[in-house]
Amino acid sequence: MSSNTVNQWAMRLAYHLIRVYHGEISEKLCMKLASRGRQSLPDLIRASEMPASQVKQALLLLIQHNYVVVYCIKEEEEGQRGPPKPPQYLYEARVAEMLLILSPEELT
Protein backbone atom coordinates (compact mmCIF):
# COMPACT_ATOMS: atom_id res chain seq x y z
CA MET A 1 0.00 0.00 0.00
CA SER A 2 1.50 3.36 -0.99
CA SER A 3 2.02 6.17 1.51
CA ASN A 4 -0.42 8.28 -0.53
CA THR A 5 -3.15 5.68 0.02
CA VAL A 6 -2.33 5.54 3.74
CA ASN A 7 -2.51 9.33 3.91
CA GLN A 8 -5.91 9.31 2.20
CA TRP A 9 -7.24 6.75 4.68
CA ALA A 10 -5.78 8.69 7.60
CA MET A 11 -7.45 11.87 6.36
CA ARG A 12 -10.78 10.07 5.93
CA LEU A 13 -10.51 8.71 9.47
CA ALA A 14 -9.67 12.17 10.83
CA TYR A 15 -12.66 13.71 9.03
CA HIS A 16 -14.93 10.91 10.25
CA LEU A 17 -13.82 11.45 13.85
CA ILE A 18 -14.35 15.19 13.55
CA ARG A 19 -17.87 14.50 12.28
CA VAL A 20 -18.67 12.00 15.05
CA TYR A 21 -17.44 14.20 17.89
CA HIS A 22 -18.03 17.71 16.56
CA GLY A 23 -20.66 17.48 13.82
CA GLU A 24 -21.08 17.69 10.07
CA ILE A 25 -20.41 21.43 9.86
CA SER A 26 -17.03 21.08 11.58
CA GLU A 27 -16.15 18.17 9.31
CA LYS A 28 -17.06 20.12 6.16
CA LEU A 29 -15.09 23.16 7.29
CA CYS A 30 -12.08 21.03 8.15
CA MET A 31 -12.20 19.37 4.74
CA LYS A 32 -12.33 22.76 2.98
CA LEU A 33 -9.35 24.02 4.97
CA ALA A 34 -7.35 20.87 4.30
CA SER A 35 -8.06 20.86 0.58
CA ARG A 36 -7.41 24.57 -0.01
CA GLY A 37 -4.64 25.31 2.48
CA ARG A 38 -4.41 28.53 4.47
CA GLN A 39 -7.43 30.76 4.03
CA SER A 40 -8.81 33.98 5.42
CA LEU A 41 -12.24 33.98 7.06
CA PRO A 42 -14.01 35.64 4.09
CA ASP A 43 -12.42 33.14 1.68
CA LEU A 44 -13.39 30.26 3.93
CA ILE A 45 -16.99 31.46 4.19
CA ARG A 46 -17.24 31.72 0.38
CA ALA A 47 -15.61 28.31 -0.17
CA SER A 48 -17.74 26.51 2.42
CA GLU A 49 -21.05 27.87 1.08
CA MET A 50 -22.35 27.95 4.67
CA PRO A 51 -23.72 30.88 6.68
CA ALA A 52 -20.99 33.03 8.23
CA SER A 53 -22.29 32.35 11.76
CA GLN A 54 -21.95 28.57 11.29
CA VAL A 55 -18.45 28.92 9.84
CA LYS A 56 -17.36 31.11 12.75
CA GLN A 57 -18.78 28.73 15.37
CA ALA A 58 -17.22 25.66 13.75
CA LEU A 59 -13.91 27.46 13.26
CA LEU A 60 -13.82 28.46 16.93
CA LEU A 61 -14.46 24.86 17.98
CA LEU A 62 -11.73 23.56 15.64
CA ILE A 63 -9.27 26.15 16.96
CA GLN A 64 -10.10 25.33 20.60
CA HIS A 65 -9.36 21.65 19.95
CA ASN A 66 -6.11 22.49 18.09
CA TYR A 67 -7.37 21.02 14.82
CA VAL A 68 -6.85 24.40 13.17
CA VAL A 69 -3.98 26.84 13.63
CA VAL A 70 -4.30 30.62 13.20
CA TYR A 71 -1.65 32.83 11.60
CA CYS A 72 -1.68 36.60 12.07
CA ILE A 73 -0.18 38.52 9.16
CA LYS A 74 0.56 42.17 9.86
CA GLU A 75 1.80 44.19 6.92
CA GLU A 76 3.86 47.24 7.68
CA GLU A 77 4.53 49.73 4.95
CA GLU A 78 7.27 52.34 5.19
CA GLY A 79 6.02 55.88 4.99
CA GLN A 80 2.40 54.81 5.37
CA ARG A 81 0.03 57.64 6.17
CA GLY A 82 -3.25 57.30 7.93
CA PRO A 83 -4.39 54.50 10.18
CA PRO A 84 -2.47 51.22 10.06
CA LYS A 85 -3.99 48.32 8.16
CA PRO A 86 -5.63 45.71 10.38
CA PRO A 87 -3.84 42.36 10.56
CA GLN A 88 -5.04 39.53 8.37
CA TYR A 89 -5.81 36.18 9.98
CA LEU A 90 -5.27 32.97 8.06
CA TYR A 91 -6.55 29.57 9.15
CA GLU A 92 -4.98 26.20 8.38
CA ALA A 93 -6.12 22.66 9.20
CA ARG A 94 -3.68 20.43 11.09
CA VAL A 95 -4.75 17.17 9.43
CA ALA A 96 -1.55 15.32 10.27
CA GLU A 97 -2.01 16.05 13.97
CA MET A 98 -5.76 15.39 14.21
CA LEU A 99 -5.42 11.68 14.85
CA LEU A 100 -2.79 12.36 17.50
CA ILE A 101 -4.90 15.01 19.17
CA LEU A 102 -7.97 12.79 19.46
CA SER A 103 -7.17 11.04 22.71
CA PRO A 104 -8.06 7.41 23.44
CA GLU A 105 -10.67 8.64 25.95
CA GLU A 106 -12.54 10.39 23.15
CA LEU A 107 -12.44 7.27 21.00
CA THR A 108 -14.13 5.00 23.57
PDB file of N, CA and C in Angstrom:
ATOM      1  N   MET A   1       0.851  -1.175   0.000  1.00  0.00           N
ATOM      2  CA  MET A   1       0.000   0.000   0.000  1.00  0.00           C
ATOM      3  C   MET A   1       0.898   1.240   0.000  1.00  0.00           C
ATOM      4  N   SER A   2       0.654   2.170  -0.886  1.00  0.00           N
ATOM      5  CA  SER A   2       1.495   3.364  -0.990  1.00  0.00           C
ATOM      6  C   SER A   2       1.217   4.315   0.166  1.00  0.00           C
ATOM      7  N   SER A   3       2.192   5.193   0.421  1.00  0.00           N
ATOM      8  CA  SER A   3       2.015   6.165   1.506  1.00  0.00           C
ATOM      9  C   SER A   3       0.895   7.149   1.176  1.00  0.00           C
ATOM     10  N   ASN A   4       0.675   7.403  -0.118  1.00  0.00           N
ATOM     11  CA  ASN A   4      -0.418   8.285  -0.526  1.00  0.00           C
ATOM     12  C   ASN A   4      -1.767   7.680  -0.139  1.00  0.00           C
ATOM     13  N   THR A   5      -1.914   6.367  -0.346  1.00  0.00           N
ATOM     14  CA  THR A   5      -3.149   5.676   0.024  1.00  0.00           C
ATOM     15  C   THR A   5      -3.344   5.706   1.534  1.00  0.00           C
ATOM     16  N   VAL A   6      -2.260   5.490   2.281  1.00  0.00           N
ATOM     17  CA  VAL A   6      -2.332   5.537   3.738  1.00  0.00           C
ATOM     18  C   VAL A   6      -2.740   6.933   4.186  1.00  0.00           C
ATOM     19  N   ASN A   7      -2.154   7.954   3.555  1.00  0.00           N
ATOM     20  CA  ASN A   7      -2.512   9.329   3.906  1.00  0.00           C
ATOM     21  C   ASN A   7      -3.982   9.613   3.626  1.00  0.00           C
ATOM     22  N   GLN A   8      -4.496   9.098   2.514  1.00  0.00           N
ATOM     23  CA  GLN A   8      -5.911   9.307   2.196  1.00  0.00           C
ATOM     24  C   GLN A   8      -6.798   8.651   3.239  1.00  0.00           C
ATOM     25  N   TRP A   9      -6.451   7.436   3.663  1.00  0.00           N
ATOM     26  CA  TRP A   9      -7.244   6.752   4.677  1.00  0.00           C
ATOM     27  C   TRP A   9      -7.136   7.466   6.018  1.00  0.00           C
ATOM     28  N   ALA A  10      -5.963   7.961   6.351  1.00  0.00           N
ATOM     29  CA  ALA A  10      -5.779   8.694   7.604  1.00  0.00           C
ATOM     30  C   ALA A  10      -6.623   9.963   7.598  1.00  0.00           C
ATOM     31  N   MET A  11      -6.645  10.651   6.458  1.00  0.00           N
ATOM     32  CA  MET A  11      -7.454  11.867   6.357  1.00  0.00           C
ATOM     33  C   MET A  11      -8.936  11.535   6.479  1.00  0.00           C
ATOM     34  N   ARG A  12      -9.368  10.470   5.831  1.00  0.00           N
ATOM     35  CA  ARG A  12     -10.784  10.069   5.932  1.00  0.00           C
ATOM     36  C   ARG A  12     -11.154   9.737   7.370  1.00  0.00           C
ATOM     37  N   LEU A  13     -10.259   9.038   8.069  1.00  0.00           N
ATOM     38  CA  LEU A  13     -10.507   8.705   9.469  1.00  0.00           C
ATOM     39  C   LEU A  13     -10.584   9.978  10.310  1.00  0.00           C
ATOM     40  N   ALA A  14      -9.660  10.903  10.083  1.00  0.00           N
ATOM     41  CA  ALA A  14      -9.668  12.169  10.830  1.00  0.00           C
ATOM     42  C   ALA A  14     -10.972  12.920  10.594  1.00  0.00           C
ATOM     43  N   TYR A  15     -11.402  13.012   9.340  1.00  0.00           N
ATOM     44  CA  TYR A  15     -12.657  13.709   9.031  1.00  0.00           C
ATOM     45  C   TYR A  15     -13.843  13.005   9.683  1.00  0.00           C
ATOM     46  N   HIS A  16     -13.839  11.681   9.639  1.00  0.00           N
ATOM     47  CA  HIS A  16     -14.927  10.912  10.249  1.00  0.00           C
ATOM     48  C   HIS A  16     -14.997  11.198  11.757  1.00  0.00           C
ATOM     49  N   LEU A  17     -13.838  11.204  12.412  1.00  0.00           N
ATOM     50  CA  LEU A  17     -13.816  11.448  13.853  1.00  0.00           C
ATOM     51  C   LEU A  17     -14.271  12.871  14.182  1.00  0.00           C
ATOM     52  N   ILE A  18     -13.882  13.820  13.358  1.00  0.00           N
ATOM     53  CA  ILE A  18     -14.348  15.194  13.553  1.00  0.00           C
ATOM     54  C   ILE A  18     -15.873  15.231  13.450  1.00  0.00           C
ATOM     55  N   ARG A  19     -16.409  14.525  12.468  1.00  0.00           N
ATOM     56  CA  ARG A  19     -17.867  14.502  12.280  1.00  0.00           C
ATOM     57  C   ARG A  19     -18.564  13.845  13.475  1.00  0.00           C
ATOM     58  N   VAL A  20     -18.049  12.725  13.932  1.00  0.00           N
ATOM     59  CA  VAL A  20     -18.673  11.998  15.050  1.00  0.00           C
ATOM     60  C   VAL A  20     -18.680  12.841  16.318  1.00  0.00           C
ATOM     61  N   TYR A  21     -17.554  13.493  16.617  1.00  0.00           N
ATOM     62  CA  TYR A  21     -17.437  14.199  17.892  1.00  0.00           C
ATOM     63  C   TYR A  21     -17.814  15.674  17.834  1.00  0.00           C
ATOM     64  N   HIS A  22     -17.795  16.272  16.621  1.00  0.00           N
ATOM     65  CA  HIS A  22     -18.030  17.712  16.557  1.00  0.00           C
ATOM     66  C   HIS A  22     -19.052  18.118  15.499  1.00  0.00           C
ATOM     67  N   GLY A  23     -19.581  17.182  14.741  1.00  0.00           N
ATOM     68  CA  GLY A  23     -20.662  17.481  13.817  1.00  0.00           C
ATOM     69  C   GLY A  23     -20.249  17.654  12.367  1.00  0.00           C
ATOM     70  N   GLU A  24     -21.262  17.630  11.522  1.00  0.00           N
ATOM     71  CA  GLU A  24     -21.078  17.691  10.075  1.00  0.00           C
ATOM     72  C   GLU A  24     -20.490  19.028   9.611  1.00  0.00           C
ATOM     73  N   ILE A  25     -20.906  20.115  10.257  1.00  0.00           N
ATOM     74  CA  ILE A  25     -20.415  21.431   9.856  1.00  0.00           C
ATOM     75  C   ILE A  25     -18.916  21.537  10.115  1.00  0.00           C
ATOM     76  N   SER A  26     -18.467  21.064  11.266  1.00  0.00           N
ATOM     77  CA  SER A  26     -17.032  21.079  11.579  1.00  0.00           C
ATOM     78  C   SER A  26     -16.249  20.207  10.608  1.00  0.00           C
ATOM     79  N   GLU A  27     -16.812  19.057  10.268  1.00  0.00           N
ATOM     80  CA  GLU A  27     -16.150  18.172   9.307  1.00  0.00           C
ATOM     81  C   GLU A  27     -16.000  18.856   7.951  1.00  0.00           C
ATOM     82  N   LYS A  28     -17.086  19.469   7.471  1.00  0.00           N
ATOM     83  CA  LYS A  28     -17.061  20.124   6.161  1.00  0.00           C
ATOM     84  C   LYS A  28     -16.054  21.265   6.139  1.00  0.00           C
ATOM     85  N   LEU A  29     -16.029  22.045   7.200  1.00  0.00           N
ATOM     86  CA  LEU A  29     -15.095  23.158   7.286  1.00  0.00           C
ATOM     87  C   LEU A  29     -13.651  22.658   7.318  1.00  0.00           C
ATOM     88  N   CYS A  30     -13.416  21.622   8.066  1.00  0.00           N
ATOM     89  CA  CYS A  30     -12.081  21.032   8.146  1.00  0.00           C
ATOM     90  C   CYS A  30     -11.626  20.507   6.781  1.00  0.00           C
ATOM     91  N   MET A  31     -12.521  19.881   6.063  1.00  0.00           N
ATOM     92  CA  MET A  31     -12.197  19.368   4.736  1.00  0.00           C
ATOM     93  C   MET A  31     -11.856  20.509   3.777  1.00  0.00           C
ATOM     94  N   LYS A  32     -12.608  21.609   3.843  1.00  0.00           N
ATOM     95  CA  LYS A  32     -12.326  22.757   2.984  1.00  0.00           C
ATOM     96  C   LYS A  32     -10.957  23.337   3.294  1.00  0.00           C
ATOM     97  N   LEU A  33     -10.654  23.482   4.584  1.00  0.00           N
ATOM     98  CA  LEU A  33      -9.353  24.017   4.971  1.00  0.00           C
ATOM     99  C   LEU A  33      -8.218  23.095   4.511  1.00  0.00           C
ATOM    100  N   ALA A  34      -8.402  21.819   4.673  1.00  0.00           N
ATOM    101  CA  ALA A  34      -7.351  20.872   4.297  1.00  0.00           C
ATOM    102  C   ALA A  34      -7.134  20.839   2.790  1.00  0.00           C
ATOM    103  N   SER A  35      -8.195  20.950   2.031  1.00  0.00           N
ATOM    104  CA  SER A  35      -8.064  20.859   0.578  1.00  0.00           C
ATOM    105  C   SER A  35      -7.543  22.147  -0.053  1.00  0.00           C
ATOM    106  N   ARG A  36      -7.793  23.281   0.572  1.00  0.00           N
ATOM    107  CA  ARG A  36      -7.410  24.570  -0.012  1.00  0.00           C
ATOM    108  C   ARG A  36      -6.213  25.225   0.658  1.00  0.00           C
ATOM    109  N   GLY A  37      -5.760  24.693   1.781  1.00  0.00           N
ATOM    110  CA  GLY A  37      -4.639  25.313   2.481  1.00  0.00           C
ATOM    111  C   GLY A  37      -5.078  26.517   3.289  1.00  0.00           C
ATOM    112  N   ARG A  38      -4.116  27.344   3.655  1.00  0.00           N
ATOM    113  CA  ARG A  38      -4.413  28.529   4.472  1.00  0.00           C
ATOM    114  C   ARG A  38      -5.412  29.443   3.776  1.00  0.00           C
ATOM    115  N   GLN A  39      -6.392  29.890   4.576  1.00  0.00           N
ATOM    116  CA  GLN A  39      -7.431  30.764   4.032  1.00  0.00           C
ATOM    117  C   GLN A  39      -7.826  31.819   5.054  1.00  0.00           C
ATOM    118  N   SER A  40      -8.253  32.950   4.555  1.00  0.00           N
ATOM    119  CA  SER A  40      -8.812  33.982   5.421  1.00  0.00           C
ATOM    120  C   SER A  40     -10.269  33.605   5.714  1.00  0.00           C
ATOM    121  N   LEU A  41     -10.851  34.267   6.702  1.00  0.00           N
ATOM    122  CA  LEU A  41     -12.244  33.978   7.057  1.00  0.00           C
ATOM    123  C   LEU A  41     -13.199  34.264   5.896  1.00  0.00           C
ATOM    124  N   PRO A  42     -13.096  35.405   5.217  1.00  0.00           N
ATOM    125  CA  PRO A  42     -14.014  35.635   4.086  1.00  0.00           C
ATOM    126  C   PRO A  42     -13.867  34.580   2.990  1.00  0.00           C
ATOM    127  N   ASP A  43     -12.634  34.180   2.698  1.00  0.00           N
ATOM    128  CA  ASP A  43     -12.424  33.143   1.679  1.00  0.00           C
ATOM    129  C   ASP A  43     -13.021  31.811   2.122  1.00  0.00           C
ATOM    130  N   LEU A  44     -12.865  31.511   3.392  1.00  0.00           N
ATOM    131  CA  LEU A  44     -13.394  30.263   3.933  1.00  0.00           C
ATOM    132  C   LEU A  44     -14.919  30.247   3.909  1.00  0.00           C
ATOM    133  N   ILE A  45     -15.531  31.365   4.224  1.00  0.00           N
ATOM    134  CA  ILE A  45     -16.994  31.456   4.186  1.00  0.00           C
ATOM    135  C   ILE A  45     -17.494  31.240   2.761  1.00  0.00           C
ATOM    136  N   ARG A  46     -16.845  31.890   1.793  1.00  0.00           N
ATOM    137  CA  ARG A  46     -17.237  31.716   0.383  1.00  0.00           C
ATOM    138  C   ARG A  46     -17.050  30.270  -0.069  1.00  0.00           C
ATOM    139  N   ALA A  47     -15.911  29.671   0.279  1.00  0.00           N
ATOM    140  CA  ALA A  47     -15.605  28.310  -0.170  1.00  0.00           C
ATOM    141  C   ALA A  47     -16.534  27.275   0.465  1.00  0.00           C
ATOM    142  N   SER A  48     -16.925  27.506   1.709  1.00  0.00           N
ATOM    143  CA  SER A  48     -17.736  26.514   2.423  1.00  0.00           C
ATOM    144  C   SER A  48     -19.200  26.546   2.008  1.00  0.00           C
ATOM    145  N   GLU A  49     -19.651  27.699   1.480  1.00  0.00           N
ATOM    146  CA  GLU A  49     -21.045  27.871   1.085  1.00  0.00           C
ATOM    147  C   GLU A  49     -21.999  27.657   2.261  1.00  0.00           C
ATOM    148  N   MET A  50     -21.536  28.024   3.461  1.00  0.00           N
ATOM    149  CA  MET A  50     -22.347  27.950   4.672  1.00  0.00           C
ATOM    150  C   MET A  50     -22.528  29.357   5.216  1.00  0.00           C
ATOM    151  N   PRO A  51     -23.542  29.568   6.051  1.00  0.00           N
ATOM    152  CA  PRO A  51     -23.718  30.877   6.676  1.00  0.00           C
ATOM    153  C   PRO A  51     -22.488  31.253   7.512  1.00  0.00           C
ATOM    154  N   ALA A  52     -22.169  32.539   7.512  1.00  0.00           N
ATOM    155  CA  ALA A  52     -20.990  33.025   8.230  1.00  0.00           C
ATOM    156  C   ALA A  52     -21.021  32.635   9.707  1.00  0.00           C
ATOM    157  N   SER A  53     -22.191  32.685  10.327  1.00  0.00           N
ATOM    158  CA  SER A  53     -22.293  32.354  11.757  1.00  0.00           C
ATOM    159  C   SER A  53     -21.900  30.900  12.016  1.00  0.00           C
ATOM    160  N   GLN A  54     -22.308  29.981  11.128  1.00  0.00           N
ATOM    161  CA  GLN A  54     -21.948  28.567  11.288  1.00  0.00           C
ATOM    162  C   GLN A  54     -20.449  28.358  11.081  1.00  0.00           C
ATOM    163  N   VAL A  55     -19.888  29.047  10.105  1.00  0.00           N
ATOM    164  CA  VAL A  55     -18.453  28.921   9.843  1.00  0.00           C
ATOM    165  C   VAL A  55     -17.661  29.416  11.050  1.00  0.00           C
ATOM    166  N   LYS A  56     -18.063  30.552  11.597  1.00  0.00           N
ATOM    167  CA  LYS A  56     -17.359  31.115  12.752  1.00  0.00           C
ATOM    168  C   LYS A  56     -17.441  30.192  13.965  1.00  0.00           C
ATOM    169  N   GLN A  57     -18.620  29.634  14.222  1.00  0.00           N
ATOM    170  CA  GLN A  57     -18.777  28.732  15.366  1.00  0.00           C
ATOM    171  C   GLN A  57     -17.938  27.467  15.192  1.00  0.00           C
ATOM    172  N   ALA A  58     -17.986  26.877  14.002  1.00  0.00           N
ATOM    173  CA  ALA A  58     -17.217  25.656  13.748  1.00  0.00           C
ATOM    174  C   ALA A  58     -15.721  25.945  13.788  1.00  0.00           C
ATOM    175  N   LEU A  59     -15.323  27.090  13.253  1.00  0.00           N
ATOM    176  CA  LEU A  59     -13.911  27.463  13.256  1.00  0.00           C
ATOM    177  C   LEU A  59     -13.412  27.647  14.685  1.00  0.00           C
ATOM    178  N   LEU A  60     -14.191  28.289  15.522  1.00  0.00           N
ATOM    179  CA  LEU A  60     -13.823  28.465  16.927  1.00  0.00           C
ATOM    180  C   LEU A  60     -13.639  27.114  17.611  1.00  0.00           C
ATOM    181  N   LEU A  61     -14.557  26.193  17.389  1.00  0.00           N
ATOM    182  CA  LEU A  61     -14.456  24.865  17.978  1.00  0.00           C
ATOM    183  C   LEU A  61     -13.187  24.148  17.502  1.00  0.00           C
ATOM    184  N   LEU A  62     -12.910  24.224  16.205  1.00  0.00           N
ATOM    185  CA  LEU A  62     -11.726  23.562  15.643  1.00  0.00           C
ATOM    186  C   LEU A  62     -10.435  24.177  16.179  1.00  0.00           C
ATOM    187  N   ILE A  63     -10.443  25.481  16.388  1.00  0.00           N
ATOM    188  CA  ILE A  63      -9.267  26.148  16.963  1.00  0.00           C
ATOM    189  C   ILE A  63      -9.084  25.733  18.420  1.00  0.00           C
ATOM    190  N   GLN A  64     -10.181  25.694  19.177  1.00  0.00           N
ATOM    191  CA  GLN A  64     -10.104  25.327  20.596  1.00  0.00           C
ATOM    192  C   GLN A  64      -9.560  23.915  20.794  1.00  0.00           C
ATOM    193  N   HIS A  65      -9.836  23.035  19.848  1.00  0.00           N
ATOM    194  CA  HIS A  65      -9.357  21.654  19.950  1.00  0.00           C
ATOM    195  C   HIS A  65      -8.011  21.445  19.251  1.00  0.00           C
ATOM    196  N   ASN A  66      -7.416  22.522  18.785  1.00  0.00           N
ATOM    197  CA  ASN A  66      -6.114  22.491  18.094  1.00  0.00           C
ATOM    198  C   ASN A  66      -6.133  21.714  16.791  1.00  0.00           C
ATOM    199  N   TYR A  67      -7.277  21.638  16.142  1.00  0.00           N
ATOM    200  CA  TYR A  67      -7.368  21.017  14.823  1.00  0.00           C
ATOM    201  C   TYR A  67      -7.025  22.037  13.736  1.00  0.00           C
ATOM    202  N   VAL A  68      -7.133  23.313  14.099  1.00  0.00           N
ATOM    203  CA  VAL A  68      -6.850  24.404  13.170  1.00  0.00           C
ATOM    204  C   VAL A  68      -5.898  25.370  13.867  1.00  0.00           C
ATOM    205  N   VAL A  69      -4.925  25.859  13.113  1.00  0.00           N
ATOM    206  CA  VAL A  69      -3.975  26.842  13.629  1.00  0.00           C
ATOM    207  C   VAL A  69      -4.260  28.180  12.950  1.00  0.00           C
ATOM    208  N   VAL A  70      -4.029  29.275  13.691  1.00  0.00           N
ATOM    209  CA  VAL A  70      -4.300  30.623  13.203  1.00  0.00           C
ATOM    210  C   VAL A  70      -2.976  31.360  13.023  1.00  0.00           C
ATOM    211  N   TYR A  71      -2.827  32.001  11.877  1.00  0.00           N
ATOM    212  CA  TYR A  71      -1.653  32.829  11.598  1.00  0.00           C
ATOM    213  C   TYR A  71      -2.110  34.277  11.493  1.00  0.00           C
ATOM    214  N   CYS A  72      -1.375  35.169  12.124  1.00  0.00           N
ATOM    215  CA  CYS A  72      -1.677  36.598  12.073  1.00  0.00           C
ATOM    216  C   CYS A  72      -0.624  37.267  11.191  1.00  0.00           C
ATOM    217  N   ILE A  73      -1.067  37.852  10.096  1.00  0.00           N
ATOM    218  CA  ILE A  73      -0.176  38.521   9.155  1.00  0.00           C
ATOM    219  C   ILE A  73      -0.390  40.019   9.299  1.00  0.00           C
ATOM    220  N   LYS A  74       0.650  40.715   9.704  1.00  0.00           N
ATOM    221  CA  LYS A  74       0.564  42.168   9.862  1.00  0.00           C
ATOM    222  C   LYS A  74       1.537  42.802   8.882  1.00  0.00           C
ATOM    223  N   GLU A  75       0.986  43.527   7.932  1.00  0.00           N
ATOM    224  CA  GLU A  75       1.802  44.191   6.925  1.00  0.00           C
ATOM    225  C   GLU A  75       2.149  45.598   7.392  1.00  0.00           C
ATOM    226  N   GLU A  76       3.424  45.896   7.337  1.00  0.00           N
ATOM    227  CA  GLU A  76       3.864  47.237   7.683  1.00  0.00           C
ATOM    228  C   GLU A  76       4.491  47.859   6.450  1.00  0.00           C
ATOM    229  N   GLU A  77       4.010  49.022   6.110  1.00  0.00           N
ATOM    230  CA  GLU A  77       4.533  49.731   4.954  1.00  0.00           C
ATOM    231  C   GLU A  77       5.300  50.955   5.419  1.00  0.00           C
ATOM    232  N   GLU A  78       6.476  51.167   4.846  1.00  0.00           N
ATOM    233  CA  GLU A  78       7.268  52.337   5.192  1.00  0.00           C
ATOM    234  C   GLU A  78       6.588  53.580   4.639  1.00  0.00           C
ATOM    235  N   GLY A  79       6.582  54.619   5.433  1.00  0.00           N
ATOM    236  CA  GLY A  79       6.017  55.881   4.992  1.00  0.00           C
ATOM    237  C   GLY A  79       4.505  55.872   4.855  1.00  0.00           C
ATOM    238  N   GLN A  80       3.855  54.906   5.474  1.00  0.00           N
ATOM    239  CA  GLN A  80       2.399  54.807   5.372  1.00  0.00           C
ATOM    240  C   GLN A  80       1.748  55.947   6.137  1.00  0.00           C
ATOM    241  N   ARG A  81       0.780  56.557   5.513  1.00  0.00           N
ATOM    242  CA  ARG A  81       0.032  57.640   6.167  1.00  0.00           C
ATOM    243  C   ARG A  81      -1.361  57.131   6.505  1.00  0.00           C
ATOM    244  N   GLY A  82      -1.913  57.698   7.529  1.00  0.00           N
ATOM    245  CA  GLY A  82      -3.247  57.296   7.934  1.00  0.00           C
ATOM    246  C   GLY A  82      -3.192  56.134   8.908  1.00  0.00           C
ATOM    247  N   PRO A  83      -4.342  55.597   9.205  1.00  0.00           N
ATOM    248  CA  PRO A  83      -4.390  54.504  10.184  1.00  0.00           C
ATOM    249  C   PRO A  83      -3.711  53.246   9.633  1.00  0.00           C
ATOM    250  N   PRO A  84      -3.114  52.453  10.524  1.00  0.00           N
ATOM    251  CA  PRO A  84      -2.469  51.222  10.061  1.00  0.00           C
ATOM    252  C   PRO A  84      -3.508  50.207   9.574  1.00  0.00           C
ATOM    253  N   LYS A  85      -3.093  49.361   8.662  1.00  0.00           N
ATOM    254  CA  LYS A  85      -3.988  48.319   8.161  1.00  0.00           C
ATOM    255  C   LYS A  85      -4.185  47.277   9.251  1.00  0.00           C
ATOM    256  N   PRO A  86      -5.403  46.757   9.374  1.00  0.00           N
ATOM    257  CA  PRO A  86      -5.632  45.706  10.376  1.00  0.00           C
ATOM    258  C   PRO A  86      -4.901  44.432   9.952  1.00  0.00           C
ATOM    259  N   PRO A  87      -4.517  43.615  10.919  1.00  0.00           N
ATOM    260  CA  PRO A  87      -3.838  42.364  10.559  1.00  0.00           C
ATOM    261  C   PRO A  87      -4.796  41.415   9.842  1.00  0.00           C
ATOM    262  N   GLN A  88      -4.235  40.539   9.064  1.00  0.00           N
ATOM    263  CA  GLN A  88      -5.037  39.527   8.369  1.00  0.00           C
ATOM    264  C   GLN A  88      -4.819  38.194   9.082  1.00  0.00           C
ATOM    265  N   TYR A  89      -5.895  37.478   9.333  1.00  0.00           N
ATOM    266  CA  TYR A  89      -5.812  36.178   9.984  1.00  0.00           C
ATOM    267  C   TYR A  89      -6.040  35.083   8.953  1.00  0.00           C
ATOM    268  N   LEU A  90      -5.152  34.115   8.951  1.00  0.00           N
ATOM    269  CA  LEU A  90      -5.267  32.966   8.059  1.00  0.00           C
ATOM    270  C   LEU A  90      -5.424  31.708   8.899  1.00  0.00           C
ATOM    271  N   TYR A  91      -6.241  30.797   8.421  1.00  0.00           N
ATOM    272  CA  TYR A  91      -6.552  29.569   9.148  1.00  0.00           C
ATOM    273  C   TYR A  91      -6.070  28.370   8.344  1.00  0.00           C
ATOM    274  N   GLU A  92      -5.513  27.387   9.050  1.00  0.00           N
ATOM    275  CA  GLU A  92      -4.976  26.196   8.384  1.00  0.00           C
ATOM    276  C   GLU A  92      -5.308  24.951   9.207  1.00  0.00           C
ATOM    277  N   ALA A  93      -5.795  23.925   8.529  1.00  0.00           N
ATOM    278  CA  ALA A  93      -6.117  22.660   9.201  1.00  0.00           C
ATOM    279  C   ALA A  93      -4.831  21.913   9.536  1.00  0.00           C
ATOM    280  N   ARG A  94      -4.822  21.237  10.666  1.00  0.00           N
ATOM    281  CA  ARG A  94      -3.684  20.427  11.095  1.00  0.00           C
ATOM    282  C   ARG A  94      -4.056  18.951  10.938  1.00  0.00           C
ATOM    283  N   VAL A  95      -4.266  18.521   9.703  1.00  0.00           N
ATOM    284  CA  VAL A  95      -4.752  17.173   9.431  1.00  0.00           C
ATOM    285  C   VAL A  95      -3.805  16.114   9.988  1.00  0.00           C
ATOM    286  N   ALA A  96      -2.519  16.314   9.821  1.00  0.00           N
ATOM    287  CA  ALA A  96      -1.546  15.318  10.274  1.00  0.00           C
ATOM    288  C   ALA A  96      -1.616  15.104  11.784  1.00  0.00           C
ATOM    289  N   GLU A  97      -1.972  16.151  12.515  1.00  0.00           N
ATOM    290  CA  GLU A  97      -2.012  16.049  13.971  1.00  0.00           C
ATOM    291  C   GLU A  97      -3.370  15.634  14.527  1.00  0.00           C
ATOM    292  N   MET A  98      -4.409  15.658  13.714  1.00  0.00           N
ATOM    293  CA  MET A  98      -5.758  15.385  14.213  1.00  0.00           C
ATOM    294  C   MET A  98      -5.881  14.025  14.883  1.00  0.00           C
ATOM    295  N   LEU A  99      -5.318  13.023  14.266  1.00  0.00           N
ATOM    296  CA  LEU A  99      -5.419  11.682  14.848  1.00  0.00           C
ATOM    297  C   LEU A  99      -4.634  11.580  16.145  1.00  0.00           C
ATOM    298  N   LEU A 100      -3.562  12.356  16.259  1.00  0.00           N
ATOM    299  CA  LEU A 100      -2.788  12.359  17.497  1.00  0.00           C
ATOM    300  C   LEU A 100      -3.501  13.125  18.597  1.00  0.00           C
ATOM    301  N   ILE A 101      -4.203  14.175  18.202  1.00  0.00           N
ATOM    302  CA  ILE A 101      -4.903  15.015  19.175  1.00  0.00           C
ATOM    303  C   ILE A 101      -6.102  14.298  19.776  1.00  0.00           C
ATOM    304  N   LEU A 102      -6.811  13.527  18.945  1.00  0.00           N
ATOM    305  CA  LEU A 102      -7.970  12.789  19.461  1.00  0.00           C
ATOM    306  C   LEU A 102      -7.471  11.716  20.415  1.00  0.00           C
ATOM    307  N   SER A 103      -7.710  11.933  21.692  1.00  0.00           N
ATOM    308  CA  SER A 103      -7.174  11.043  22.709  1.00  0.00           C
ATOM    309  C   SER A 103      -7.961   9.738  22.767  1.00  0.00           C
ATOM    310  N   PRO A 104      -7.345   8.686  23.316  1.00  0.00           N
ATOM    311  CA  PRO A 104      -8.058   7.414  23.442  1.00  0.00           C
ATOM    312  C   PRO A 104      -9.358   7.527  24.225  1.00  0.00           C
ATOM    313  N   GLU A 105      -9.422   8.479  25.183  1.00  0.00           N
ATOM    314  CA  GLU A 105     -10.665   8.643  25.952  1.00  0.00           C
ATOM    315  C   GLU A 105     -11.813   9.087  25.044  1.00  0.00           C
ATOM    316  N   GLU A 106     -11.509   9.922  24.045  1.00  0.00           N
ATOM    317  CA  GLU A 106     -12.543  10.390  23.146  1.00  0.00           C
ATOM    318  C   GLU A 106     -12.995   9.278  22.197  1.00  0.00           C
ATOM    319  N   LEU A 107     -12.132   8.314  21.942  1.00  0.00           N
ATOM    320  CA  LEU A 107     -12.442   7.265  20.998  1.00  0.00           C
ATOM    321  C   LEU A 107     -13.227   6.110  21.615  1.00  0.00           C
ATOM    322  N   THR A 108     -13.380   6.092  22.925  1.00  0.00           N
ATOM    323  CA  THR A 108     -14.129   4.999  23.573  1.00  0.00           C
ATOM    324  C   THR A 108     -15.555   5.385  23.826  1.00  0.00           C
TER     325      THR A 108
END
